[in-house]
């Protein structure tokens, strides 16, 4: 979806479906936690994972680490068009570069028995800090840029820096998965079943579903989580509800399969995911990713809380949103202190209904 797409404000807000919203990077971590020691058998998966040295790129000008053993992950689902398969899945013709199609700050408090995921709408206007590009040149700071454009303009390290500057939250780890990885993972598990309450037809994503129950293959699933014109007010906010519903169904489907009893299926799923996975250097091996996953064994994914960053429609451009205050500030403060997030900090003036 190009940055030029526009959508109007919905006259009547509606309640968004609340449920589990996990991007594939987090899903892979949970799979590894479930598979446990079985993964020592699959050393060839190690070479699939690509690493980015976030710490080196950002230097010392960063928020302090949590004073506890809590962890914060930035998880991106990117719409990279790199490679023939991703270009075929992009939809709507040739598109250069890539954007962060889905973004989550996943906070795992001390003790690692629970987790909360804060989704950042891609249409959020943010201040992009000064960043260093991969060629060593400097990109000056800029105000009122769309959040999802930072990835294409400067790269993943600048996305991390942007999130840290807007939230004051130190990001410990970074995970990213692209279009092709999403499609292949769904196909590897044999499809995902979703229930559609109202017909969805979106020419931009190619999605055309009647109301009722549908089992979606990888290509259809990708269109489902990317569709925005067919739901709500046509904005990214309306799409978040579909993503929540789908990713809950995806995790449910994976949990219903006997992964420990079927090493072949487990390997196929993990191979599909790791081929399109990029992480920070600290997680860029199967060993370190598995160790981190095992440290999350106490987290029940079905109880993971999901919050959309509270946003309000921008006064200059109602087709864009900005962080709503004081809600957003209160939310980030709770995460910085490893504290409980107040209910008041979870309410968003803009609903996308």
C-alpha atoms as a PDB file:
ATOM      1  CA  UNK A   1       0.000   0.000   0.000  1.00  0.00           C
ATOM      2  CA  UNK A   2       1.551   3.331  -1.004  1.00  0.00           C
ATOM      3  CA  UNK A   3       1.896   6.277   1.317  1.00  0.00           C
ATOM      4  CA  UNK A   4      -0.318   8.275  -1.020  1.00  0.00           C
ATOM      5  CA  UNK A   5      -3.432   6.212  -0.216  1.00  0.00           C
ATOM      6  CA  UNK A   6      -5.996   8.139   1.758  1.00  0.00           C
ATOM      7  CA  UNK A   7      -9.031   7.344   3.823  1.00  0.00           C
ATOM      8  CA  UNK A   8     -11.687   9.380   5.542  1.00  0.00           C
ATOM      9  CA  UNK A   9     -12.641   9.493   9.178  1.00  0.00           C
ATOM     10  CA  UNK A  10     -15.391   7.125  10.205  1.00  0.00           C
ATOM     11  CA  UNK A  11     -18.539   8.897  11.382  1.00  0.00           C
ATOM     12  CA  UNK A  12     -19.321   6.192  13.919  1.00  0.00           C
ATOM     13  CA  UNK A  13     -16.523   4.543  15.854  1.00  0.00           C
ATOM     14  CA  UNK A  14     -16.899   0.853  16.569  1.00  0.00           C
ATOM     15  CA  UNK A  15     -15.253  -1.390  19.080  1.00  0.00           C
ATOM     16  CA  UNK A  16     -12.233  -3.248  17.759  1.00  0.00           C
ATOM     17  CA  UNK A  17     -11.940  -6.938  18.341  1.00  0.00           C
ATOM     18  CA  UNK A  18      -9.403  -7.498  21.103  1.00  0.00           C
ATOM     19  CA  UNK A  19      -7.334 -10.622  20.945  1.00  0.00           C
ATOM     20  CA  UNK A  20      -3.857 -11.945  20.360  1.00  0.00           C
ATOM     21  CA  UNK A  21      -1.819 -10.029  17.824  1.00  0.00           C
ATOM     22  CA  UNK A  22       1.603 -11.561  17.290  1.00  0.00           C
ATOM     23  CA  UNK A  23       3.756 -10.965  14.256  1.00  0.00           C
ATOM     24  CA  UNK A  24       5.639 -13.900  12.878  1.00  0.00           C
ATOM     25  CA  UNK A  25       8.893 -13.101  14.642  1.00  0.00           C
ATOM     26  CA  UNK A  26       7.237 -13.496  18.034  1.00  0.00           C
ATOM     27  CA  UNK A  27       5.326 -16.519  16.752  1.00  0.00           C
ATOM     28  CA  UNK A  28       8.604 -18.152  15.772  1.00  0.00           C
ATOM     29  CA  UNK A  29      10.012 -17.523  19.249  1.00  0.00           C
ATOM     30  CA  UNK A  30       6.969 -19.209  20.771  1.00  0.00           C
ATOM     31  CA  UNK A  31       7.346 -22.149  18.383  1.00  0.00           C
ATOM     32  CA  UNK A  32      10.969 -22.547  19.385  1.00  0.00           C
ATOM     33  CA  UNK A  33       9.965 -22.467  23.036  1.00  0.00           C
ATOM     34  CA  UNK A  34       7.474 -25.247  22.381  1.00  0.00           C
ATOM     35  CA  UNK A  35       9.924 -27.293  20.356  1.00  0.00           C
ATOM     36  CA  UNK A  36      12.665 -26.987  22.962  1.00  0.00           C
ATOM     37  CA  UNK A  37      15.620 -29.304  22.593  1.00  0.00           C
ATOM     38  CA  UNK A  38      14.311 -30.793  19.337  1.00  0.00           C
ATOM     39  CA  UNK A  39      15.893 -27.888  17.488  1.00  0.00           C
ATOM     40  CA  UNK A  40      19.451 -29.045  18.029  1.00  0.00           C
ATOM     41  CA  UNK A  41      18.718 -31.462  15.179  1.00  0.00           C
ATOM     42  CA  UNK A  42      18.225 -28.660  12.689  1.00  0.00           C
ATOM     43  CA  UNK A  43      21.535 -26.855  12.532  1.00  0.00           C
ATOM     44  CA  UNK A  44      21.006 -25.919   8.888  1.00  0.00           C
ATOM     45  CA  UNK A  45      18.261 -23.525  10.026  1.00  0.00           C
ATOM     46  CA  UNK A  46      20.946 -21.408  11.655  1.00  0.00           C
ATOM     47  CA  UNK A  47      22.206 -20.156   8.309  1.00  0.00           C
ATOM     48  CA  UNK A  48      18.750 -18.893   7.347  1.00  0.00           C
ATOM     49  CA  UNK A  49      18.708 -16.077   9.903  1.00  0.00           C
ATOM     50  CA  UNK A  50      20.063 -12.658   8.909  1.00  0.00           C
ATOM     51  CA  UNK A  51      21.522 -10.317  11.533  1.00  0.00           C
ATOM     52  CA  UNK A  52      21.653  -6.517  11.898  1.00  0.00           C
ATOM     53  CA  UNK A  53      24.075  -4.909  14.360  1.00  0.00           C
ATOM     54  CA  UNK A  54      21.609  -2.488  15.960  1.00  0.00           C
ATOM     55  CA  UNK A  55      23.864  -1.631  18.917  1.00  0.00           C
ATOM     56  CA  UNK A  56      26.744  -0.565  16.674  1.00  0.00           C
ATOM     57  CA  UNK A  57      24.460   1.507  14.452  1.00  0.00           C
ATOM     58  CA  UNK A  58      22.869   3.396  17.352  1.00  0.00           C
ATOM     59  CA  UNK A  59      25.864   3.946  19.603  1.00  0.00           C
ATOM     60  CA  UNK A  60      25.481   5.170  23.190  1.00  0.00           C
ATOM     61  CA  UNK A  61      22.732   7.791  22.767  1.00  0.00           C
ATOM     62  CA  UNK A  62      19.932   5.485  23.862  1.00  0.00           C
ATOM     63  CA  UNK A  63      17.468   5.068  26.759  1.00  0.00           C
ATOM     64  CA  UNK A  64      18.744   3.173  29.765  1.00  0.00           C
ATOM     65  CA  UNK A  65      18.066  -0.533  30.045  1.00  0.00           C
ATOM     66  CA  UNK A  66      15.280  -1.669  32.336  1.00  0.00           C
ATOM     67  CA  UNK A  67      16.448  -1.876  35.964  1.00  0.00           C
ATOM     68  CA  UNK A  68      14.925  -5.386  36.009  1.00  0.00           C
ATOM     69  CA  UNK A  69      15.250  -8.539  33.931  1.00  0.00           C
ATOM     70  CA  UNK A  70      12.366  -7.380  31.742  1.00  0.00           C
ATOM     71  CA  UNK A  71      12.865  -7.276  27.980  1.00  0.00           C
ATOM     72  CA  UNK A  72      11.542  -5.164  25.102  1.00  0.00           C
ATOM     73  CA  UNK A  73      11.392  -6.403  21.512  1.00  0.00           C
ATOM     74  CA  UNK A  74      10.600  -4.419  18.386  1.00  0.00           C
ATOM     75  CA  UNK A  75       8.918  -6.754  15.911  1.00  0.00           C
ATOM     76  CA  UNK A  76       8.336  -5.657  12.314  1.00  0.00           C
ATOM     77  CA  UNK A  77       6.394  -7.289   9.527  1.00  0.00           C
ATOM     78  CA  UNK A  78       7.983  -5.690   6.469  1.00  0.00           C
ATOM     79  CA  UNK A  79       6.554  -5.343   2.981  1.00  0.00           C
ATOM     80  CA  UNK A  80       9.970  -5.670   1.349  1.00  0.00           C
ATOM     81  CA  UNK A  81       9.841  -6.182  -2.433  1.00  0.00           C
ATOM     82  CA  UNK A  82      13.332  -7.677  -2.450  1.00  0.00           C
ATOM     83  CA  UNK A  83      13.398 -10.901  -4.462  1.00  0.00           C
ATOM     84  CA  UNK A  84      10.982 -12.198  -7.089  1.00  0.00           C
ATOM     85  CA  UNK A  85       8.647 -13.878  -4.602  1.00  0.00           C
ATOM     86  CA  UNK A  86       8.138 -10.765  -2.497  1.00  0.00           C
ATOM     87  CA  UNK A  87       7.516  -8.689  -5.643  1.00  0.00           C
ATOM     88  CA  UNK A  88       4.811 -11.111  -6.742  1.00  0.00           C
ATOM     89  CA  UNK A  89       3.166 -10.855  -3.324  1.00  0.00           C
ATOM     90  CA  UNK A  90       3.339  -7.069  -3.110  1.00  0.00           C
ATOM     91  CA  UNK A  91       0.231  -6.450  -5.161  1.00  0.00           C
ATOM     92  CA  UNK A  92      -0.631  -3.469  -7.310  1.00  0.00           C
ATOM     93  CA  UNK A  93       2.450  -3.306  -9.502  1.00  0.00           C
ATOM     94  CA  UNK A  94       6.081  -2.492  -8.886  1.00  0.00           C
ATOM     95  CA  UNK A  95       6.947  -0.760  -5.629  1.00  0.00           C
ATOM     96  CA  UNK A  96      10.482   0.229  -4.726  1.00  0.00           C
ATOM     97  CA  UNK A  97      12.039  -0.250  -1.299  1.00  0.00           C
ATOM     98  CA  UNK A  98      10.203  -1.551   1.722  1.00  0.00           C
ATOM     99  CA  UNK A  99       8.077  -0.321   4.592  1.00  0.00           C
ATOM    100  CA  UNK A 100       7.272  -1.611   8.058  1.00  0.00           C
ATOM    101  CA  UNK A 101       3.808  -2.968   7.370  1.00  0.00           C
ATOM    102  CA  UNK A 102       3.238  -4.063  10.988  1.00  0.00           C
ATOM    103  CA  UNK A 103       5.093  -2.869  14.080  1.00  0.00           C
ATOM    104  CA  UNK A 104       4.907  -4.112  17.670  1.00  0.00           C
ATOM    105  CA  UNK A 105       6.782  -3.230  20.823  1.00  0.00           C
ATOM    106  CA  UNK A 106       6.558  -6.440  22.861  1.00  0.00           C
ATOM    107  CA  UNK A 107       7.231  -5.914  26.561  1.00  0.00           C
ATOM    108  CA  UNK A 108       8.066  -8.939  28.708  1.00  0.00           C
ATOM    109  CA  UNK A 109       8.111  -7.906  32.401  1.00  0.00           C
ATOM    110  CA  UNK A 110      10.486  -9.272  35.004  1.00  0.00           C
ATOM    111  CA  UNK A 111       9.828 -12.954  35.621  1.00  0.00           C
ATOM    112  CA  UNK A 112       8.809 -13.542  31.988  1.00  0.00           C
ATOM    113  CA  UNK A 113       5.424 -15.049  32.823  1.00  0.00           C
ATOM    114  CA  UNK A 114       3.371 -12.531  30.879  1.00  0.00           C
ATOM    115  CA  UNK A 115       3.731 -10.114  27.985  1.00  0.00           C
ATOM    116  CA  UNK A 116       2.073  -7.094  26.417  1.00  0.00           C
ATOM    117  CA  UNK A 117       2.280  -6.073  22.765  1.00  0.00           C
ATOM    118  CA  UNK A 118       1.852  -2.427  21.740  1.00  0.00           C
ATOM    119  CA  UNK A 119       1.046  -1.992  18.052  1.00  0.00           C
ATOM    120  CA  UNK A 120       2.157   1.241  16.371  1.00  0.00           C
ATOM    121  CA  UNK A 121      -0.157   2.193  13.477  1.00  0.00           C
ATOM    122  CA  UNK A 122       1.843   2.624  10.303  1.00  0.00           C
ATOM    123  CA  UNK A 123       0.044   5.908   9.496  1.00  0.00           C
ATOM    124  CA  UNK A 124       1.266   7.532  12.747  1.00  0.00           C
ATOM    125  CA  UNK A 125       3.107  10.817  12.209  1.00  0.00           C
ATOM    126  CA  UNK A 126       6.396  10.811  14.129  1.00  0.00           C
ATOM    127  CA  UNK A 127       9.641  12.736  14.429  1.00  0.00           C
ATOM    128  CA  UNK A 128      12.385  10.743  12.747  1.00  0.00           C
ATOM    129  CA  UNK A 129      15.689  11.390  14.549  1.00  0.00           C
ATOM    130  CA  UNK A 130      18.975  11.910  12.770  1.00  0.00           C
ATOM    131  CA  UNK A 131      20.170   8.508  11.584  1.00  0.00           C
ATOM    132  CA  UNK A 132      23.145   6.989   9.810  1.00  0.00           C
ATOM    133  CA  UNK A 133      22.351   5.116   6.597  1.00  0.00           C
ATOM    134  CA  UNK A 134      24.003   1.846   5.577  1.00  0.00           C
ATOM    135  CA  UNK A 135      26.398   3.706   3.253  1.00  0.00           C
ATOM    136  CA  UNK A 136      27.655   5.842   6.135  1.00  0.00           C
ATOM    137  CA  UNK A 137      25.841   9.026   5.130  1.00  0.00           C
ATOM    138  CA  UNK A 138      23.617  10.904   7.568  1.00  0.00           C
ATOM    139  CA  UNK A 139      19.867  11.409   7.229  1.00  0.00           C
ATOM    140  CA  UNK A 140      18.798  14.604   8.991  1.00  0.00           C
ATOM    141  CA  UNK A 141      16.011  14.593  11.542  1.00  0.00           C
ATOM    142  CA  UNK A 142      12.541  15.322  10.192  1.00  0.00           C
ATOM    143  CA  UNK A 143       9.164  16.005  11.770  1.00  0.00           C
ATOM    144  CA  UNK A 144       5.741  14.690  10.752  1.00  0.00           C
ATOM    145  CA  UNK A 145       6.921  11.699   8.732  1.00  0.00           C
ATOM    146  CA  UNK A 146       4.842   8.538   8.505  1.00  0.00           C
ATOM    147  CA  UNK A 147       6.156   5.855  10.811  1.00  0.00           C
ATOM    148  CA  UNK A 148       6.213   3.156   8.147  1.00  0.00           C
ATOM    149  CA  UNK A 149       8.372   5.306   5.847  1.00  0.00           C
ATOM    150  CA  UNK A 150      11.354   5.292   8.233  1.00  0.00           C
ATOM    151  CA  UNK A 151      12.275   1.724   7.285  1.00  0.00           C
ATOM    152  CA  UNK A 152      12.419   2.466   3.553  1.00  0.00           C
ATOM    153  CA  UNK A 153      14.206   5.789   3.984  1.00  0.00           C
ATOM    154  CA  UNK A 154      16.949   4.791   6.416  1.00  0.00           C
ATOM    155  CA  UNK A 155      16.620   1.135   7.463  1.00  0.00           C
ATOM    156  CA  UNK A 156      15.839  -0.981  10.541  1.00  0.00           C
ATOM    157  CA  UNK A 157      18.311   0.654  12.927  1.00  0.00           C
ATOM    158  CA  UNK A 158      16.595   4.003  12.391  1.00  0.00           C
ATOM    159  CA  UNK A 159      13.209   2.402  13.088  1.00  0.00           C
ATOM    160  CA  UNK A 160      14.592   1.219  16.428  1.00  0.00           C
ATOM    161  CA  UNK A 161      15.987   4.700  17.119  1.00  0.00           C
ATOM    162  CA  UNK A 162      12.661   6.322  16.181  1.00  0.00           C
ATOM    163  CA  UNK A 163      10.739   4.042  18.543  1.00  0.00           C
ATOM    164  CA  UNK A 164      13.238   4.666  21.344  1.00  0.00           C
ATOM    165  CA  UNK A 165      13.024   8.451  20.881  1.00  0.00           C
ATOM    166  CA  UNK A 166       9.212   8.531  20.765  1.00  0.00           C
ATOM    167  CA  UNK A 167       8.770   6.187  23.744  1.00  0.00           C
ATOM    168  CA  UNK A 168      11.874   6.453  25.904  1.00  0.00           C
ATOM    169  CA  UNK A 169      11.843   2.635  25.918  1.00  0.00           C
ATOM    170  CA  UNK A 170      15.150   0.786  25.389  1.00  0.00           C
ATOM    171  CA  UNK A 171      14.716  -1.875  22.697  1.00  0.00           C
ATOM    172  CA  UNK A 172      16.676  -4.999  23.632  1.00  0.00           C
ATOM    173  CA  UNK A 173      15.997  -7.081  20.521  1.00  0.00           C
ATOM    174  CA  UNK A 174      14.778  -6.669  16.953  1.00  0.00           C
ATOM    175  CA  UNK A 175      12.913  -9.186  14.793  1.00  0.00           C
ATOM    176  CA  UNK A 176      11.613  -8.759  11.248  1.00  0.00           C
ATOM    177  CA  UNK A 177       9.866 -11.069   8.795  1.00  0.00           C
ATOM    178  CA  UNK A 178       8.846 -10.288   5.220  1.00  0.00           C
ATOM    179  CA  UNK A 179       5.925 -11.082   2.931  1.00  0.00           C
ATOM    180  CA  UNK A 180       7.303 -14.319   1.537  1.00  0.00           C
ATOM    181  CA  UNK A 181       8.008 -15.704   5.007  1.00  0.00           C
ATOM    182  CA  UNK A 182       4.422 -15.034   6.066  1.00  0.00           C
ATOM    183  CA  UNK A 183       2.985 -16.782   3.017  1.00  0.00           C
ATOM    184  CA  UNK A 184       5.277 -19.799   3.300  1.00  0.00           C
ATOM    185  CA  UNK A 185       4.562 -20.254   7.010  1.00  0.00           C
ATOM    186  CA  UNK A 186       0.791 -20.357   6.429  1.00  0.00           C
ATOM    187  CA  UNK A 187       1.224 -22.804   3.544  1.00  0.00           C
ATOM    188  CA  UNK A 188       3.527 -24.947   5.711  1.00  0.00           C
ATOM    189  CA  UNK A 189       0.781 -25.484   8.301  1.00  0.00           C
ATOM    190  CA  UNK A 190      -1.856 -26.196   5.648  1.00  0.00           C
ATOM    191  CA  UNK A 191      -3.781 -22.919   5.799  1.00  0.00           C
ATOM    192  CA  UNK A 192      -5.661 -20.940   8.446  1.00  0.00           C
ATOM    193  CA  UNK A 193      -9.419 -20.871   9.037  1.00  0.00           C
ATOM    194  CA  UNK A 194     -11.116 -17.518   9.663  1.00  0.00           C
ATOM    195  CA  UNK A 195     -14.724 -16.429  10.089  1.00  0.00           C
ATOM    196  CA  UNK A 196     -15.767 -13.392   8.077  1.00  0.00           C
ATOM    197  CA  UNK A 197     -18.776 -11.533   9.508  1.00  0.00           C
ATOM    198  CA  UNK A 198     -19.269  -9.263   6.492  1.00  0.00           C
ATOM    199  CA  UNK A 199     -18.103  -9.599   2.850  1.00  0.00           C
ATOM    200  CA  UNK A 200     -14.668  -8.121   2.175  1.00  0.00           C
ATOM    201  CA  UNK A 201     -13.663  -6.927  -1.278  1.00  0.00           C
ATOM    202  CA  UNK A 202     -10.430  -4.995  -1.628  1.00  0.00           C
ATOM    203  CA  UNK A 203      -9.040  -4.559  -5.128  1.00  0.00           C
ATOM    204  CA  UNK A 204      -5.769  -3.187  -3.751  1.00  0.00           C
ATOM    205  CA  UNK A 205      -4.913  -6.335  -1.773  1.00  0.00           C
ATOM    206  CA  UNK A 206      -6.815  -8.711  -4.068  1.00  0.00           C
ATOM    207  CA  UNK A 207      -8.987  -9.995  -1.242  1.00  0.00           C
ATOM    208  CA  UNK A 208     -12.533 -11.041  -2.173  1.00  0.00           C
ATOM    209  CA  UNK A 209     -14.343 -13.024   0.536  1.00  0.00           C
ATOM    210  CA  UNK A 210     -18.029 -13.641   1.167  1.00  0.00           C
ATOM    211  CA  UNK A 211     -19.345 -13.722   4.724  1.00  0.00           C
ATOM    212  CA  UNK A 212     -18.865 -17.075   6.420  1.00  0.00           C
ATOM    213  CA  UNK A 213     -15.980 -19.430   7.223  1.00  0.00           C
ATOM    214  CA  UNK A 214     -12.974 -19.641   4.912  1.00  0.00           C
ATOM    215  CA  UNK A 215      -9.718 -21.608   5.009  1.00  0.00           C
ATOM    216  CA  UNK A 216      -7.079 -19.291   3.604  1.00  0.00           C
ATOM    217  CA  UNK A 217      -3.846 -20.343   1.942  1.00  0.00           C
ATOM    218  CA  UNK A 218      -0.671 -18.289   2.244  1.00  0.00           C
ATOM    219  CA  UNK A 219      -1.434 -15.811  -0.542  1.00  0.00           C
ATOM    220  CA  UNK A 220      -5.009 -15.251   0.653  1.00  0.00           C
ATOM    221  CA  UNK A 221      -3.826 -14.875   4.250  1.00  0.00           C
ATOM    222  CA  UNK A 222      -1.346 -12.212   3.225  1.00  0.00           C
ATOM    223  CA  UNK A 223      -4.116 -10.283   1.462  1.00  0.00           C
ATOM    224  CA  UNK A 224      -6.320 -10.696   4.547  1.00  0.00           C
ATOM    225  CA  UNK A 225      -3.870  -9.091   6.972  1.00  0.00           C
ATOM    226  CA  UNK A 226      -2.930  -6.368   4.474  1.00  0.00           C
ATOM    227  CA  UNK A 227      -6.446  -5.335   3.463  1.00  0.00           C
ATOM    228  CA  UNK A 228      -7.519  -1.894   4.573  1.00  0.00           C
ATOM    229  CA  UNK A 229     -10.033  -0.585   2.012  1.00  0.00           C
ATOM    230  CA  UNK A 230     -12.426  -3.451   2.686  1.00  0.00           C
ATOM    231  CA  UNK A 231     -12.855  -2.880   6.435  1.00  0.00           C
ATOM    232  CA  UNK A 232     -13.735  -0.023   8.776  1.00  0.00           C
ATOM    233  CA  UNK A 233     -12.873   3.434   7.480  1.00  0.00           C
ATOM    234  CA  UNK A 234     -10.243   2.071   5.099  1.00  0.00           C
ATOM    235  CA  UNK A 235      -7.362   3.120   7.343  1.00  0.00           C
ATOM    236  CA  UNK A 236      -4.627   1.146   9.048  1.00  0.00           C
ATOM    237  CA  UNK A 237      -6.599   1.340  12.298  1.00  0.00           C
ATOM    238  CA  UNK A 238      -9.446  -0.712  10.847  1.00  0.00           C
ATOM    239  CA  UNK A 239      -7.024  -3.320   9.562  1.00  0.00           C
ATOM    240  CA  UNK A 240      -5.577  -3.943  13.023  1.00  0.00           C
ATOM    241  CA  UNK A 241      -8.770  -5.779  14.056  1.00  0.00           C
ATOM    242  CA  UNK A 242      -8.387  -8.236  11.155  1.00  0.00           C
ATOM    243  CA  UNK A 243      -4.745  -8.795  12.007  1.00  0.00           C
ATOM    244  CA  UNK A 244      -5.660  -9.609  15.590  1.00  0.00           C
ATOM    245  CA  UNK A 245      -8.303 -12.097  14.483  1.00  0.00           C
ATOM    246  CA  UNK A 246      -6.083 -13.754  11.913  1.00  0.00           C
ATOM    247  CA  UNK A 247      -2.987 -14.120  14.052  1.00  0.00           C
ATOM    248  CA  UNK A 248      -5.028 -15.627  16.864  1.00  0.00           C
ATOM    249  CA  UNK A 249      -6.392 -18.143  14.344  1.00  0.00           C
ATOM    250  CA  UNK A 250      -2.850 -18.787  13.070  1.00  0.00           C
ATOM    251  CA  UNK A 251      -1.495 -19.524  16.527  1.00  0.00           C
ATOM    252  CA  UNK A 252      -4.518 -21.691  17.311  1.00  0.00           C
ATOM    253  CA  UNK A 253      -3.891 -23.701  14.138  1.00  0.00           C
ATOM    254  CA  UNK A 254      -0.227 -24.221  15.003  1.00  0.00           C
ATOM    255  CA  UNK A 255      -1.048 -25.242  18.573  1.00  0.00           C
ATOM    256  CA  UNK A 256      -3.572 -27.780  17.263  1.00  0.00           C
ATOM    257  CA  UNK A 257      -0.828 -29.544  15.315  1.00  0.00           C
ATOM    258  CA  UNK A 258       1.409 -32.045  17.096  1.00  0.00           C
ATOM    259  CA  UNK A 259       4.701 -30.261  16.472  1.00  0.00           C
ATOM    260  CA  UNK A 260       6.689 -32.264  18.991  1.00  0.00           C
ATOM    261  CA  UNK A 261       5.241 -35.471  17.544  1.00  0.00           C
ATOM    262  CA  UNK A 262       5.983 -34.403  13.981  1.00  0.00           C
ATOM    263  CA  UNK A 263       9.588 -33.237  13.532  1.00  0.00           C
ATOM    264  CA  UNK A 264       9.047 -32.990   9.766  1.00  0.00           C
ATOM    265  CA  UNK A 265       6.193 -30.507  10.157  1.00  0.00           C
ATOM    266  CA  UNK A 266       8.076 -28.571  12.832  1.00  0.00           C
ATOM    267  CA  UNK A 267      11.136 -28.308  10.609  1.00  0.00           C
ATOM    268  CA  UNK A 268       9.062 -27.222   7.608  1.00  0.00           C
ATOM    269  CA  UNK A 269       7.415 -24.449   9.608  1.00  0.00           C
ATOM    270  CA  UNK A 270      10.672 -23.270  11.175  1.00  0.00           C
ATOM    271  CA  UNK A 271      12.501 -23.389   7.848  1.00  0.00           C
ATOM    272  CA  UNK A 272       9.825 -21.237   6.194  1.00  0.00           C
ATOM    273  CA  UNK A 273       9.992 -18.678   8.987  1.00  0.00           C
ATOM    274  CA  UNK A 274      13.758 -18.470   9.439  1.00  0.00           C
ATOM    275  CA  UNK A 275      14.404 -18.013   5.705  1.00  0.00           C
ATOM    276  CA  UNK A 276      12.708 -14.628   5.881  1.00  0.00           C
ATOM    277  CA  UNK A 277      13.759 -13.675   9.415  1.00  0.00           C
ATOM    278  CA  UNK A 278      16.085 -10.786  10.269  1.00  0.00           C
ATOM    279  CA  UNK A 279      17.110 -10.142  13.882  1.00  0.00           C
ATOM    280  CA  UNK A 280      19.579  -8.076  15.862  1.00  0.00           C
ATOM    281  CA  UNK A 281      23.022  -9.651  16.226  1.00  0.00           C
ATOM    282  CA  UNK A 282      22.127 -10.883  19.702  1.00  0.00           C
ATOM    283  CA  UNK A 283      19.485 -13.240  18.298  1.00  0.00           C
ATOM    284  CA  UNK A 284      20.990 -13.978  14.877  1.00  0.00           C
ATOM    285  CA  UNK A 285      21.592 -17.672  15.442  1.00  0.00           C
ATOM    286  CA  UNK A 286      19.343 -20.625  16.126  1.00  0.00           C
ATOM    287  CA  UNK A 287      21.125 -21.225  19.436  1.00  0.00           C
ATOM    288  CA  UNK A 288      20.603 -17.704  20.782  1.00  0.00           C
ATOM    289  CA  UNK A 289      17.051 -17.534  19.426  1.00  0.00           C
ATOM    290  CA  UNK A 290      16.237 -20.859  21.064  1.00  0.00           C
ATOM    291  CA  UNK A 291      17.796 -19.790  24.368  1.00  0.00           C
ATOM    292  CA  UNK A 292      15.721 -16.634  24.330  1.00  0.00           C
ATOM    293  CA  UNK A 293      12.619 -18.667  23.483  1.00  0.00           C
ATOM    294  CA  UNK A 294      13.212 -21.020  26.396  1.00  0.00           C
ATOM    295  CA  UNK A 295      13.465 -18.015  28.708  1.00  0.00           C
ATOM    296  CA  UNK A 296       9.904 -17.206  27.618  1.00  0.00           C
ATOM    297  CA  UNK A 297       8.514 -20.625  28.446  1.00  0.00           C
ATOM    298  CA  UNK A 298       6.454 -19.132  31.270  1.00  0.00           C
ATOM    299  CA  UNK A 299       4.568 -16.779  28.921  1.00  0.00           C
ATOM    300  CA  UNK A 300       1.126 -18.078  27.949  1.00  0.00           C
ATOM    301  CA  UNK A 301       0.535 -16.676  24.435  1.00  0.00           C
ATOM    302  CA  UNK A 302      -3.243 -16.949  24.861  1.00  0.00           C
ATOM    303  CA  UNK A 303      -3.081 -14.402  27.680  1.00  0.00           C
ATOM    304  CA  UNK A 304      -0.778 -11.924  25.949  1.00  0.00           C
ATOM    305  CA  UNK A 305      -2.350  -8.482  26.194  1.00  0.00           C
ATOM    306  CA  UNK A 306      -2.547  -6.414  23.036  1.00  0.00           C
ATOM    307  CA  UNK A 307      -2.783  -2.642  22.996  1.00  0.00           C
ATOM    308  CA  UNK A 308      -2.861  -0.247  20.090  1.00  0.00           C
ATOM    309  CA  UNK A 309      -0.767   2.841  20.771  1.00  0.00           C
ATOM    310  CA  UNK A 310      -3.371   5.464  21.696  1.00  0.00           C
ATOM    311  CA  UNK A 311      -3.662   7.808  18.713  1.00  0.00           C
ATOM    312  CA  UNK A 312      -5.820  10.745  17.669  1.00  0.00           C
ATOM    313  CA  UNK A 313      -6.637  12.003  14.182  1.00  0.00           C
ATOM    314  CA  UNK A 314      -4.134  14.642  13.138  1.00  0.00           C
ATOM    315  CA  UNK A 315      -5.654  18.136  13.109  1.00  0.00           C
ATOM    316  CA  UNK A 316      -3.888  19.115   9.896  1.00  0.00           C
ATOM    317  CA  UNK A 317      -4.529  15.851   8.058  1.00  0.00           C
ATOM    318  CA  UNK A 318      -7.403  13.683   9.368  1.00  0.00           C
ATOM    319  CA  UNK A 319      -6.128  10.827   7.193  1.00  0.00           C
ATOM    320  CA  UNK A 320      -3.121  10.543   9.522  1.00  0.00           C
ATOM    321  CA  UNK A 321      -2.855   9.978  13.266  1.00  0.00           C
ATOM    322  CA  UNK A 322      -0.583  11.208  16.045  1.00  0.00           C
ATOM    323  CA  UNK A 323       0.149   9.798  19.490  1.00  0.00           C
ATOM    324  CA  UNK A 324      -2.660  10.791  21.853  1.00  0.00           C
ATOM    325  CA  UNK A 325      -1.627  12.402  25.118  1.00  0.00           C
ATOM    326  CA  UNK A 326      -1.579  11.849  28.016  1.00  0.00           C
ATOM    327  CA  UNK A 327      -2.488   8.227  27.200  1.00  0.00           C
ATOM    328  CA  UNK A 328       0.590   7.406  25.095  1.00  0.00           C
ATOM    329  CA  UNK A 329       2.975   8.972  27.588  1.00  0.00           C
ATOM    330  CA  UNK A 330       1.404   7.053  30.459  1.00  0.00           C
ATOM    331  CA  UNK A 331       1.634   3.779  28.526  1.00  0.00           C
ATOM    332  CA  UNK A 332       5.318   4.213  27.662  1.00  0.00           C
ATOM    333  CA  UNK A 333       6.107   5.255  31.245  1.00  0.00           C
ATOM    334  CA  UNK A 334       4.575   2.026  32.563  1.00  0.00           C
ATOM    335  CA  UNK A 335       6.685  -0.015  30.152  1.00  0.00           C
ATOM    336  CA  UNK A 336       9.851   1.901  31.032  1.00  0.00           C
ATOM    337  CA  UNK A 337       9.325   1.125  34.706  1.00  0.00           C
ATOM    338  CA  UNK A 338       8.162  -2.472  34.161  1.00  0.00           C
ATOM    339  CA  UNK A 339       4.903  -1.413  35.798  1.00  0.00           C
ATOM    340  CA  UNK A 340       1.193  -2.056  35.335  1.00  0.00           C
ATOM    341  CA  UNK A 341      -0.391  -0.206  32.413  1.00  0.00           C
ATOM    342  CA  UNK A 342      -3.455   1.782  33.573  1.00  0.00           C
ATOM    343  CA  UNK A 343      -6.713   1.156  31.716  1.00  0.00           C
ATOM    344  CA  UNK A 344      -6.866   4.863  30.885  1.00  0.00           C
ATOM    345  CA  UNK A 345      -3.634   4.504  28.887  1.00  0.00           C
ATOM    346  CA  UNK A 346      -5.175   1.881  26.597  1.00  0.00           C
ATOM    347  CA  UNK A 347      -7.965   4.043  25.186  1.00  0.00           C
ATOM    348  CA  UNK A 348      -7.486   5.483  21.724  1.00  0.00           C
ATOM    349  CA  UNK A 349      -9.500   8.508  20.520  1.00  0.00           C
ATOM    350  CA  UNK A 350      -9.065   7.312  16.920  1.00  0.00           C
ATOM    351  CA  UNK A 351     -10.665   3.908  16.358  1.00  0.00           C
ATOM    352  CA  UNK A 352     -10.699   3.344  12.600  1.00  0.00           C
ATOM    353  CA  UNK A 353     -14.247   2.011  12.872  1.00  0.00           C
END
